[in-house]
């Protein structure tokens, strides 16, 4: 896993290796997608196993770690925390995987109906489930 360290005013780095975001993202500063929010749910396509060699060309080690984290549905924020990377860098990696067909993104579940009102049946089911705990 990559650990970030930032240089202090004197130019010294912390004990962790210094890795710049452009190294991982190959100089890109944007994911090229505007649908990835902190709560967007990401799932690896298939069983989350590493892709065949032809499909994995150009993948960084962080891409492979993301695929491992996404074997079950997980939010973008959780992936960033698992990678110990900034969310902006994580979104770029996710955009790569989604573009390659190795991962899927979907908006989080909502508690609202189509007309914008709270979905009372769903909220009551959640309440009832919590009471059983």
Protein backbone atom coordinates (compact mmCIF):
# COMPACT_ATOMS: atom_id res chain seq x y z
CA UNK A 1 0.00 0.00 0.00
CA UNK A 2 1.21 3.49 -0.75
CA UNK A 3 1.78 5.88 2.11
CA UNK A 4 1.87 9.59 1.57
CA UNK A 5 4.39 11.83 3.22
CA UNK A 6 4.69 15.51 2.63
CA UNK A 7 7.82 17.53 2.94
CA UNK A 8 7.99 19.99 5.78
CA UNK A 9 9.15 23.59 5.33
CA UNK A 10 12.80 22.53 5.56
CA UNK A 11 12.29 20.07 2.69
CA UNK A 12 12.69 16.95 4.84
CA UNK A 13 10.21 14.13 4.45
CA UNK A 14 8.64 12.08 7.20
CA UNK A 15 9.89 8.53 7.78
CA UNK A 16 7.44 7.26 5.15
CA UNK A 17 8.45 7.15 1.47
CA UNK A 18 7.53 10.23 -0.52
CA UNK A 19 5.18 9.38 -3.38
CA UNK A 20 3.66 12.14 -5.44
CA UNK A 21 0.11 11.84 -6.78
CA UNK A 22 1.21 12.30 -10.39
CA UNK A 23 3.29 9.12 -10.12
CA UNK A 24 0.24 7.01 -9.41
CA UNK A 25 -2.10 8.90 -11.75
CA UNK A 26 0.48 9.40 -14.51
CA UNK A 27 0.10 13.14 -14.26
CA UNK A 28 -3.68 13.24 -14.36
CA UNK A 29 -5.46 15.53 -11.93
CA UNK A 30 -9.04 14.63 -12.76
CA UNK A 31 -10.96 11.36 -12.93
CA UNK A 32 -12.74 12.48 -16.09
CA UNK A 33 -16.01 11.44 -14.42
CA UNK A 34 -18.37 13.56 -12.37
CA UNK A 35 -20.48 10.69 -11.03
CA UNK A 36 -17.99 9.52 -8.40
CA UNK A 37 -18.86 11.00 -5.01
CA UNK A 38 -17.68 9.95 -1.58
CA UNK A 39 -20.71 7.70 -1.18
CA UNK A 40 -20.80 6.21 -4.69
CA UNK A 41 -20.72 2.42 -4.35
CA UNK A 42 -18.05 0.55 -6.33
CA UNK A 43 -18.07 -3.17 -7.08
CA UNK A 44 -15.49 -5.22 -8.95
CA UNK A 45 -16.86 -6.94 -12.04
CA UNK A 46 -16.93 -10.71 -11.65
CA UNK A 47 -15.35 -12.11 -8.51
CA UNK A 48 -12.80 -9.31 -8.09
CA UNK A 49 -9.97 -11.58 -9.15
CA UNK A 50 -7.07 -9.96 -10.92
CA UNK A 51 -7.76 -9.60 -14.63
CA UNK A 52 -6.02 -11.59 -17.31
CA UNK A 53 -2.57 -10.24 -18.24
CA UNK A 54 -3.88 -8.55 -21.39
CA UNK A 55 -6.57 -6.72 -19.41
CA UNK A 56 -4.18 -5.72 -16.65
CA UNK A 57 -1.66 -3.89 -18.83
CA UNK A 58 -1.24 -0.37 -17.53
CA UNK A 59 -2.68 -1.12 -14.10
CA UNK A 60 -0.80 0.25 -11.13
CA UNK A 61 -0.43 -1.84 -7.95
CA UNK A 62 -3.05 0.46 -6.43
CA UNK A 63 -5.54 -0.61 -9.14
CA UNK A 64 -5.06 -4.20 -8.07
CA UNK A 65 -5.58 -3.26 -4.42
CA UNK A 66 -8.81 -1.46 -5.35
CA UNK A 67 -10.09 -4.59 -7.11
CA UNK A 68 -9.39 -6.57 -3.94
CA UNK A 69 -11.27 -4.02 -1.83
CA UNK A 70 -14.23 -4.03 -4.22
CA UNK A 71 -15.01 -7.74 -4.08
CA UNK A 72 -17.98 -6.58 -2.04
CA UNK A 73 -19.73 -3.24 -2.67
CA UNK A 74 -17.79 -0.43 -1.01
CA UNK A 75 -18.02 3.37 -0.99
CA UNK A 76 -15.40 5.57 -2.65
CA UNK A 77 -14.50 7.07 0.74
CA UNK A 78 -13.82 3.61 2.17
CA UNK A 79 -11.62 2.71 -0.78
CA UNK A 80 -9.59 5.91 -0.33
CA UNK A 81 -9.14 5.08 3.35
CA UNK A 82 -8.14 1.50 2.53
CA UNK A 83 -5.55 2.76 0.05
CA UNK A 84 -4.39 5.57 2.34
CA UNK A 85 -4.64 7.90 -0.67
CA UNK A 86 -6.43 11.19 -1.21
CA UNK A 87 -9.96 10.84 -2.57
CA UNK A 88 -9.01 12.74 -5.74
CA UNK A 89 -6.32 10.17 -6.58
CA UNK A 90 -8.66 7.30 -5.68
CA UNK A 91 -11.31 8.65 -8.06
CA UNK A 92 -8.77 8.66 -10.91
CA UNK A 93 -7.88 5.03 -10.21
CA UNK A 94 -11.56 4.11 -10.02
CA UNK A 95 -12.23 5.89 -13.31
CA UNK A 96 -9.50 3.76 -14.91
CA UNK A 97 -11.04 0.54 -13.60
CA UNK A 98 -14.58 1.50 -14.59
CA UNK A 99 -13.37 2.55 -18.05
CA UNK A 100 -11.61 -0.80 -18.46
CA UNK A 101 -14.78 -2.66 -17.48
CA UNK A 102 -13.17 -4.07 -14.33
CA UNK A 103 -15.43 -2.23 -11.86
CA UNK A 104 -18.92 -0.75 -11.72
CA UNK A 105 -20.20 2.36 -9.97
CA UNK A 106 -23.71 2.95 -8.73
CA UNK A 107 -25.26 5.69 -6.66
CA UNK A 108 -25.92 4.85 -3.03
CA UNK A 109 -29.32 3.60 -1.93
CA UNK A 110 -31.72 6.41 -1.21
CA UNK A 111 -34.40 6.77 1.42
CA UNK A 112 -36.49 9.02 -0.82
CA UNK A 113 -39.32 8.26 -3.19
CA UNK A 114 -39.43 9.61 -6.73
CA UNK A 115 -41.37 12.68 -5.58
CA UNK A 116 -38.69 13.56 -2.99
CA UNK A 117 -40.60 12.39 0.07
CA UNK A 118 -39.02 9.98 2.58
CA UNK A 119 -39.70 6.31 1.81
CA UNK A 120 -41.63 5.53 4.98
CA UNK A 121 -41.83 1.78 4.35
CA UNK A 122 -38.06 1.53 4.07
CA UNK A 123 -37.46 3.73 7.11
CA UNK A 124 -39.91 1.67 9.16
CA UNK A 125 -38.18 -1.56 8.08
CA UNK A 126 -34.84 -0.10 9.20
CA UNK A 127 -36.37 0.99 12.52
CA UNK A 128 -37.86 -2.47 13.05
CA UNK A 129 -34.53 -4.14 12.24
CA UNK A 130 -32.71 -1.90 14.70
CA UNK A 131 -35.21 -2.69 17.43
CA UNK A 132 -34.54 -6.40 16.95
CA UNK A 133 -30.88 -5.85 17.71
